[in-house]
Protein backbone atom coordinates (compact mmCIF):
# COMPACT_ATOMS: atom_id res chain seq x y z
CA UNK A 1 120.25 -37.27 -45.90
CA UNK A 2 117.21 -39.36 -44.95
CA UNK A 3 117.28 -37.95 -41.40
CA UNK A 4 117.54 -34.38 -42.72
CA UNK A 5 114.56 -35.00 -44.96
CA UNK A 6 112.49 -36.25 -42.03
CA UNK A 7 113.45 -33.23 -39.95
CA UNK A 8 112.56 -30.86 -42.80
CA UNK A 9 109.16 -32.50 -43.27
CA UNK A 10 108.41 -32.35 -39.55
CA UNK A 11 109.43 -28.69 -39.34
CA UNK A 12 107.15 -27.81 -42.24
CA UNK A 13 104.25 -29.77 -40.72
CA UNK A 14 104.81 -28.16 -37.32
CA UNK A 15 104.74 -24.68 -38.88
CA UNK A 16 101.56 -25.52 -40.78
CA UNK A 17 99.89 -26.91 -37.68
CA UNK A 18 100.95 -23.91 -35.67
CA UNK A 19 99.59 -21.44 -38.20
CA UNK A 20 96.38 -23.46 -38.56
CA UNK A 21 95.72 -23.49 -34.83
CA UNK A 22 96.69 -19.80 -34.52
CA UNK A 23 94.27 -18.88 -37.29
CA UNK A 24 91.43 -20.60 -35.45
CA UNK A 25 92.27 -19.16 -32.03
CA UNK A 26 91.04 -15.73 -33.13
CA UNK A 27 87.65 -17.05 -34.19
CA UNK A 28 84.97 -16.31 -31.58
CA UNK A 29 83.13 -19.40 -30.34
CA UNK A 30 79.61 -19.93 -31.63
CA UNK A 31 77.25 -19.20 -28.74
CA UNK A 32 73.75 -20.64 -28.87
CA UNK A 33 70.88 -18.57 -27.57
CA UNK A 34 68.86 -21.17 -25.72
CA UNK A 35 65.33 -20.69 -24.46
CA UNK A 36 63.58 -22.49 -21.65
CA UNK A 37 63.63 -26.27 -21.45
CA UNK A 38 60.27 -27.50 -22.76
CA UNK A 39 58.76 -30.65 -21.21
CA UNK A 40 58.27 -33.25 -23.93
CA UNK A 41 61.02 -31.74 -26.08
CA UNK A 42 64.48 -33.31 -26.41
CA UNK A 43 65.76 -36.83 -26.91
CA UNK A 44 64.76 -40.34 -25.90
CA UNK A 45 65.96 -43.81 -26.71
CA UNK A 46 67.76 -46.88 -25.43
CA UNK A 47 71.35 -47.57 -24.48
CA UNK A 48 72.53 -51.06 -25.45
CA UNK A 49 75.64 -53.24 -25.51
CA UNK A 50 75.65 -55.99 -28.17
CA UNK A 51 71.90 -55.51 -28.50
CA UNK A 52 71.22 -56.00 -24.76
CA UNK A 53 69.83 -53.05 -22.82
CA UNK A 54 72.21 -51.33 -20.41
CA UNK A 55 71.24 -50.19 -16.93
CA UNK A 56 73.62 -47.88 -15.10
CA UNK A 57 74.44 -45.52 -17.98
CA UNK A 58 73.88 -41.82 -18.55
CA UNK A 59 73.35 -39.75 -21.67
CA UNK A 60 74.97 -36.32 -21.68
CA UNK A 61 74.14 -33.30 -23.86
CA UNK A 62 76.88 -30.74 -24.57
CA UNK A 63 76.59 -27.35 -26.23
CA UNK A 64 79.91 -27.78 -28.06
CA UNK A 65 82.58 -30.34 -28.81
CA UNK A 66 84.92 -28.39 -26.51
CA UNK A 67 82.44 -28.81 -23.64
CA UNK A 68 82.38 -32.56 -24.30
CA UNK A 69 86.18 -32.77 -24.13
CA UNK A 70 86.14 -30.69 -20.93
CA UNK A 71 83.35 -32.87 -19.40
CA UNK A 72 81.01 -29.87 -19.04
CA UNK A 73 77.53 -31.10 -20.00
CA UNK A 74 74.58 -28.76 -20.42
CA UNK A 75 72.31 -31.53 -19.13
CA UNK A 76 72.31 -35.25 -18.43
CA UNK A 77 69.68 -37.94 -18.22
CA UNK A 78 68.82 -39.98 -15.17
CA UNK A 79 70.74 -43.24 -14.84
CA UNK A 80 69.19 -45.87 -17.11
CA UNK A 81 67.30 -48.62 -15.33
CA UNK A 82 66.63 -52.23 -16.34
CA UNK A 83 64.96 -51.29 -19.64
CA UNK A 84 67.98 -49.23 -20.77
CA UNK A 85 65.76 -46.26 -21.63
CA UNK A 86 66.65 -42.61 -21.16
CA UNK A 87 64.78 -39.32 -21.59
CA UNK A 88 66.50 -35.95 -21.83
CA UNK A 89 64.42 -32.72 -21.80
CA UNK A 90 66.18 -29.83 -23.57
CA UNK A 91 65.47 -26.43 -25.11
CA UNK A 92 65.56 -25.92 -28.86
CA UNK A 93 69.16 -26.00 -30.08
CA UNK A 94 72.01 -28.20 -31.31
CA UNK A 95 73.65 -30.65 -28.92
CA UNK A 96 76.46 -33.19 -28.87
CA UNK A 97 75.17 -36.43 -27.34
CA UNK A 98 77.37 -38.98 -25.58
CA UNK A 99 76.45 -42.06 -23.55
CA UNK A 100 78.76 -43.23 -20.78
CA UNK A 101 78.80 -46.06 -18.30
CA UNK A 102 81.49 -45.13 -15.78
CA UNK A 103 82.33 -46.46 -12.36
CA UNK A 104 81.28 -43.13 -10.81
CA UNK A 105 78.25 -41.48 -12.42
CA UNK A 106 77.82 -38.84 -9.71
CA UNK A 107 79.62 -36.43 -12.05
CA UNK A 108 80.80 -36.33 -15.66
CA UNK A 109 84.36 -37.17 -16.58
CA UNK A 110 86.57 -38.96 -19.11
CA UNK A 111 86.29 -42.70 -19.55
CA UNK A 112 89.04 -45.05 -18.42
CA UNK A 113 89.76 -48.71 -19.08
CA UNK A 114 86.78 -50.76 -17.94
CA UNK A 115 84.19 -48.10 -18.83
CA UNK A 116 81.72 -48.12 -21.73
CA UNK A 117 81.21 -45.25 -24.11
CA UNK A 118 79.31 -44.10 -27.21
CA UNK A 119 79.84 -40.87 -29.14
CA UNK A 120 76.81 -40.20 -31.35
CA UNK A 121 78.03 -40.34 -34.94
CA UNK A 122 75.44 -37.78 -36.10
CA UNK A 123 76.60 -35.06 -33.69
CA UNK A 124 75.58 -32.30 -33.38
CA UNK A 125 71.88 -33.16 -33.32
CA UNK A 126 69.04 -30.66 -33.47
CA UNK A 127 66.22 -30.56 -30.95
CA UNK A 128 62.80 -30.15 -32.57
CA UNK A 129 60.33 -28.30 -30.32
CA UNK A 130 57.37 -30.26 -29.05
CA UNK A 131 58.70 -33.75 -29.66
CA UNK A 132 61.26 -36.27 -28.46
CA UNK A 133 63.73 -37.21 -31.19
CA UNK A 134 64.64 -40.87 -30.98
CA UNK A 135 68.41 -41.34 -30.62
CA UNK A 136 69.81 -44.72 -29.61
CA UNK A 137 73.30 -45.59 -28.39
CA UNK A 138 75.29 -48.79 -28.89
CA UNK A 139 77.95 -48.74 -26.19
CA UNK A 140 81.48 -49.95 -26.80
CA UNK A 141 84.06 -51.00 -24.21
CA UNK A 142 87.18 -49.01 -23.54
CA UNK A 143 89.14 -52.01 -22.41
CA UNK A 144 92.74 -51.03 -23.12
CA UNK A 145 94.61 -47.85 -22.21
CA UNK A 146 97.05 -46.29 -24.69
CA UNK A 147 100.36 -48.17 -24.72
CA UNK A 148 103.50 -46.18 -25.51
CA UNK A 149 106.57 -47.94 -26.90
CA UNK A 150 109.96 -46.63 -27.97
CA UNK A 151 110.04 -45.23 -31.50
CA UNK A 152 113.10 -45.01 -33.77
CA UNK A 153 112.86 -41.24 -34.29
CA UNK A 154 113.31 -38.97 -31.25
CA UNK A 155 112.00 -35.97 -33.18
CA UNK A 156 108.63 -37.48 -34.03
CA UNK A 157 106.03 -39.92 -32.80
CA UNK A 158 103.91 -42.62 -34.39
CA UNK A 159 100.51 -44.27 -34.00
CA UNK A 160 99.51 -47.88 -34.60
CA UNK A 161 96.43 -49.84 -33.74
CA UNK A 162 93.70 -52.24 -34.73
CA UNK A 163 90.04 -51.69 -35.59
CA UNK A 164 87.59 -54.26 -34.25
CA UNK A 165 83.93 -55.16 -34.72
CA UNK A 166 82.47 -57.34 -31.96
CA UNK A 167 86.04 -58.05 -30.89
CA UNK A 168 87.25 -59.23 -34.30
CA UNK A 169 89.53 -57.28 -36.69
CA UNK A 170 87.69 -55.34 -39.40
CA UNK A 171 89.02 -54.66 -42.88
CA UNK A 172 88.26 -51.77 -45.23
CA UNK A 173 88.33 -49.13 -42.48
CA UNK A 174 89.83 -45.67 -42.97
CA UNK A 175 91.35 -43.94 -39.94
CA UNK A 176 91.28 -40.13 -39.89
CA UNK A 177 93.37 -37.88 -37.67
CA UNK A 178 92.09 -34.40 -36.88
CA UNK A 179 93.89 -31.58 -35.09
CA UNK A 180 90.91 -29.23 -35.13
CA UNK A 181 87.25 -29.92 -34.28
CA UNK A 182 85.66 -26.85 -35.84
CA UNK A 183 83.95 -28.96 -38.52
CA UNK A 184 82.74 -31.61 -36.04
CA UNK A 185 85.27 -34.19 -37.28
CA UNK A 186 83.77 -34.21 -40.79
CA UNK A 187 85.92 -31.61 -42.55
CA UNK A 188 89.56 -31.54 -43.56
CA UNK A 189 91.73 -34.21 -41.96
CA UNK A 190 95.37 -33.88 -40.95
CA UNK A 191 96.11 -37.41 -42.11
CA UNK A 192 94.18 -40.46 -43.30
CA UNK A 193 95.29 -44.08 -43.43
CA UNK A 194 94.89 -46.56 -46.29
CA UNK A 195 92.01 -49.00 -45.67
CA UNK A 196 92.78 -51.66 -43.10
CA UNK A 197 93.41 -55.23 -44.26
CA UNK A 198 92.05 -58.44 -42.75
CA UNK A 199 94.16 -57.88 -39.64
CA UNK A 200 92.38 -54.55 -38.98
CA UNK A 201 95.78 -52.90 -38.44
CA UNK A 202 96.65 -49.29 -39.29
CA UNK A 203 99.74 -47.14 -38.70
CA UNK A 204 100.88 -43.51 -39.01
CA UNK A 205 104.58 -42.64 -39.07
CA UNK A 206 106.50 -39.47 -38.15
CA UNK A 207 103.74 -37.50 -36.47
CA UNK A 208 104.43 -34.17 -34.74
CA UNK A 209 103.98 -34.15 -30.97
CA UNK A 210 100.43 -32.78 -30.69
CA UNK A 211 96.99 -34.06 -29.71
CA UNK A 212 94.92 -35.82 -32.36
CA UNK A 213 91.27 -36.82 -32.58
CA UNK A 214 91.10 -40.34 -34.00
CA UNK A 215 88.02 -41.50 -35.93
CA UNK A 216 87.39 -44.76 -37.81
CA UNK A 217 84.91 -45.09 -40.69
CA UNK A 218 84.03 -47.85 -43.12
CA UNK A 219 81.56 -47.22 -45.93
CA UNK A 220 80.02 -50.18 -47.71
CA UNK A 221 80.65 -48.29 -50.95
CA UNK A 222 84.39 -48.53 -50.25
CA UNK A 223 84.75 -44.76 -50.55
CA UNK A 224 87.21 -43.04 -48.17
CA UNK A 225 84.89 -40.02 -47.82
CA UNK A 226 81.23 -39.09 -47.70
CA UNK A 227 78.41 -39.27 -45.15
CA UNK A 228 77.74 -42.60 -43.50
CA UNK A 229 74.69 -44.59 -44.53
CA UNK A 230 72.86 -47.42 -42.79
CA UNK A 231 75.15 -50.43 -42.69
CA UNK A 232 78.34 -48.38 -42.61
CA UNK A 233 80.67 -48.43 -39.57
CA UNK A 234 81.80 -45.71 -37.20
CA UNK A 235 84.28 -45.60 -34.34
CA UNK A 236 85.35 -42.72 -32.12
CA UNK A 237 88.44 -43.43 -30.02
CA UNK A 238 87.10 -43.22 -26.43
CA UNK A 239 90.21 -41.50 -25.04
CA UNK A 240 90.24 -38.68 -27.62
CA UNK A 241 92.19 -36.48 -27.91
CA UNK A 242 95.17 -38.82 -28.20
CA UNK A 243 98.55 -37.38 -27.24
CA UNK A 244 101.36 -38.32 -29.59
CA UNK A 245 104.79 -38.13 -27.97
CA UNK A 246 108.13 -37.62 -29.69
CA UNK A 247 110.24 -40.77 -29.58
CA UNK A 248 107.18 -42.91 -28.79
CA UNK A 249 104.80 -45.11 -30.76
CA UNK A 250 101.26 -45.09 -29.35
CA UNK A 251 99.28 -48.33 -29.67
CA UNK A 252 95.47 -48.22 -29.45
CA UNK A 253 92.38 -50.25 -30.20
CA UNK A 254 89.31 -48.71 -31.85
CA UNK A 255 86.03 -50.64 -31.62
CA UNK A 256 83.34 -49.71 -34.16
CA UNK A 257 79.58 -50.18 -34.52
CA UNK A 258 77.27 -50.16 -37.51
CA UNK A 259 75.51 -46.90 -38.06
CA UNK A 260 72.07 -48.49 -37.84
CA UNK A 261 73.02 -50.06 -34.51
CA UNK A 262 74.19 -46.74 -33.16
CA UNK A 263 71.47 -44.33 -34.17
CA UNK A 264 68.44 -46.47 -34.88
CA UNK A 265 66.25 -45.51 -37.81
CA UNK A 266 66.28 -41.73 -37.41
CA UNK A 267 69.31 -39.70 -38.39
CA UNK A 268 69.24 -35.99 -37.59
CA UNK A 269 71.07 -35.27 -40.84
CA UNK A 270 68.17 -36.62 -42.90
CA UNK A 271 65.12 -36.25 -40.63
CA UNK A 272 62.10 -34.64 -42.30
CA UNK A 273 62.01 -31.07 -41.00
CA UNK A 274 59.15 -29.81 -43.16
CA UNK A 275 61.50 -27.27 -44.75
CA UNK A 276 63.20 -28.81 -47.76
CA UNK A 277 64.19 -28.67 -51.40
CA UNK A 278 63.79 -31.52 -53.87
CA UNK A 279 64.84 -32.30 -57.41
CA UNK A 280 66.89 -34.61 -59.58
CA UNK A 281 70.60 -34.93 -60.40
CA UNK A 282 71.91 -36.13 -63.77
CA UNK A 283 75.08 -35.86 -65.82
CA UNK A 284 75.50 -33.82 -69.02
CA UNK A 285 74.00 -36.67 -71.07
CA UNK A 286 70.93 -36.93 -68.87
CA UNK A 287 72.07 -40.14 -67.16
CA UNK A 288 71.73 -40.93 -63.45
CA UNK A 289 74.94 -40.66 -61.44
CA UNK A 290 74.70 -42.92 -58.37
CA UNK A 291 76.33 -41.97 -55.08
CA UNK A 292 76.09 -38.18 -55.34
CA UNK A 293 74.77 -35.95 -52.56
CA UNK A 294 73.22 -32.49 -52.46
CA UNK A 295 74.75 -29.99 -50.05
CA UNK A 296 73.35 -26.84 -48.49
CA UNK A 297 75.62 -24.04 -47.25
CA UNK A 298 74.66 -20.92 -45.32
CA UNK A 299 77.29 -18.74 -47.01
CA UNK A 300 78.58 -18.36 -50.56
CA UNK A 301 81.89 -20.13 -49.98
CA UNK A 302 81.43 -23.75 -51.05
CA UNK A 303 83.50 -26.79 -52.05
CA UNK A 304 86.40 -26.68 -49.56
CA UNK A 305 84.54 -27.06 -46.28
CA UNK A 306 81.84 -29.15 -44.64
CA UNK A 307 78.28 -28.11 -45.54
CA UNK A 308 75.68 -27.34 -42.91
CA UNK A 309 73.10 -29.64 -44.56
CA UNK A 310 73.35 -32.75 -46.72
CA UNK A 311 70.92 -35.10 -48.45
CA UNK A 312 71.03 -38.85 -48.66
CA UNK A 313 72.56 -40.20 -51.86
CA UNK A 314 70.23 -39.87 -54.85
CA UNK A 315 67.87 -42.76 -55.46
CA UNK A 316 67.69 -44.95 -58.55
CA UNK A 317 65.87 -42.19 -60.45
CA UNK A 318 68.36 -39.51 -59.44
CA UNK A 319 65.98 -37.87 -56.97
CA UNK A 320 67.03 -36.21 -53.72
CA UNK A 321 65.54 -34.42 -50.71
CA UNK A 322 67.55 -31.86 -48.76
CA UNK A 323 66.05 -31.11 -45.34
CA UNK A 324 66.84 -27.71 -43.82
CA UNK A 325 66.44 -26.56 -40.24
CA UNK A 326 64.45 -23.42 -41.10
CA UNK A 327 63.65 -20.97 -43.88
CA UNK A 328 66.32 -18.70 -45.32
CA UNK A 329 68.81 -18.42 -48.16
CA UNK A 330 71.02 -21.42 -48.89
CA UNK A 331 73.75 -22.07 -51.45
CA UNK A 332 73.30 -25.43 -53.14
CA UNK A 333 75.84 -27.83 -54.66
CA UNK A 334 76.29 -31.48 -55.58
CA UNK A 335 79.27 -33.74 -54.93
CA UNK A 336 80.20 -37.39 -54.79
CA UNK A 337 82.59 -36.78 -51.88
CA UNK A 338 82.50 -34.82 -48.66
CA UNK A 339 84.60 -31.99 -47.21
CA UNK A 340 87.82 -30.43 -48.49
CA UNK A 341 88.38 -29.33 -52.12
CA UNK A 342 86.79 -31.44 -54.91
CA UNK A 343 89.33 -33.93 -56.25
CA UNK A 344 90.08 -35.35 -59.69
CA UNK A 345 87.54 -37.96 -60.70
CA UNK A 346 84.84 -36.55 -58.42
CA UNK A 347 81.37 -35.61 -59.65
CA UNK A 348 80.58 -31.97 -58.95
CA UNK A 349 77.91 -29.41 -59.77
CA UNK A 350 76.00 -26.40 -58.44
CA UNK A 351 72.50 -25.00 -58.70
CA UNK A 352 72.53 -22.79 -61.80
CA UNK A 353 69.08 -21.27 -61.36
CA UNK A 354 70.69 -18.24 -59.68
CA UNK A 355 73.98 -16.51 -60.34
CA UNK A 356 75.22 -17.13 -56.81
CA UNK A 357 73.79 -20.71 -56.72
CA UNK A 358 71.32 -19.78 -53.98
CA UNK A 359 67.72 -20.68 -53.21
CA UNK A 360 65.39 -18.97 -50.75
CA UNK A 361 62.40 -20.50 -49.00
CA UNK A 362 60.20 -20.02 -45.96
CA UNK A 363 60.08 -22.21 -42.88
CA UNK A 364 57.72 -25.11 -43.60
CA UNK A 365 58.01 -24.70 -47.38
CA UNK A 366 58.97 -27.43 -49.86
CA UNK A 367 60.82 -26.02 -52.89
CA UNK A 368 60.52 -28.47 -55.79
CA UNK A 369 62.25 -28.69 -59.15
CA UNK A 370 65.77 -27.75 -58.00
CA UNK A 371 67.33 -29.97 -60.68
CA UNK A 372 71.10 -29.95 -61.20
CA UNK A 373 73.70 -31.31 -63.58
CA UNK A 374 77.04 -32.77 -62.51
CA UNK A 375 80.30 -33.14 -64.37
CA UNK A 376 83.31 -35.26 -63.52
CA UNK A 377 86.43 -33.31 -62.59
CA UNK A 378 89.14 -34.32 -65.03
CA UNK A 379 92.81 -33.24 -65.44
């Protein structure tokens, strides 16, 4: 009976995965209309390992996550020299940035054991015309290939591993598995682990035989979801996507870095763009609710997907600033979590100043007084 139950669960999951992938195959890819590369416009920064600058690395800019996986960069920097600095001139647009230190830098390619790697946790990042955005990289070693061991179920696979910080196990880390990258690894997950203990160990049982993108996150708040703040931890498995094989248990190691160490002091999600809305968030009794964020969507459908724009958590007075890339109409909401459908216990609200919860503003305008009220979702 137990075996039949496992088989039934796997069949259902396989059908769901198949329908999910099929539904996304018909979606046309988003194509950016890029202009000319403008000297003095793009990204600059340093590549480091354990705080020491790294010569012999390259920073690559990709137009899409799929291009990154396929090792098809739009542009790449020169090889970093003794100061670890790089400069990357680009046209206006959104790019996925990755730093690599590989044995052969004459061309792009996947990393292998012995290489160093850093996937920018704020990807995709917007180029602002006429300036270099500072984006730093803290490289991590990929020092151990995936190890496959026999698993006790021939109809499914499994995944186990350890999360490390500076080589030591890290507790309180949530591991997320994604089968689709449409939401830039911030939307709905296929599966998520409980937080790691002092051993840093995690495990997933009875996984269908597909490729997964494995991401590790630890928030100082202890929350399993939400944007990362300075002092939080992020890890992107260097050999993503990871192939799970039926009848095999895959063992991996995921090193992580602190967000501040990875991106420096400027995060593209929160950078002042000059086009923004501001206001305050309180509950129904007029009290401050810590840890809530304001979201901006470009269409009317909210709550079950990743927003295009997000604020930092409200400050001690309940104030927020939501930076937007340009003028237009945006649909505004508030949550204490991130991605997927709001859950029980979560704080949630929307801008009620318009029937469709929208605001409109011009490029370069600051729209003040967009105050909202949140309520806790209860059974």
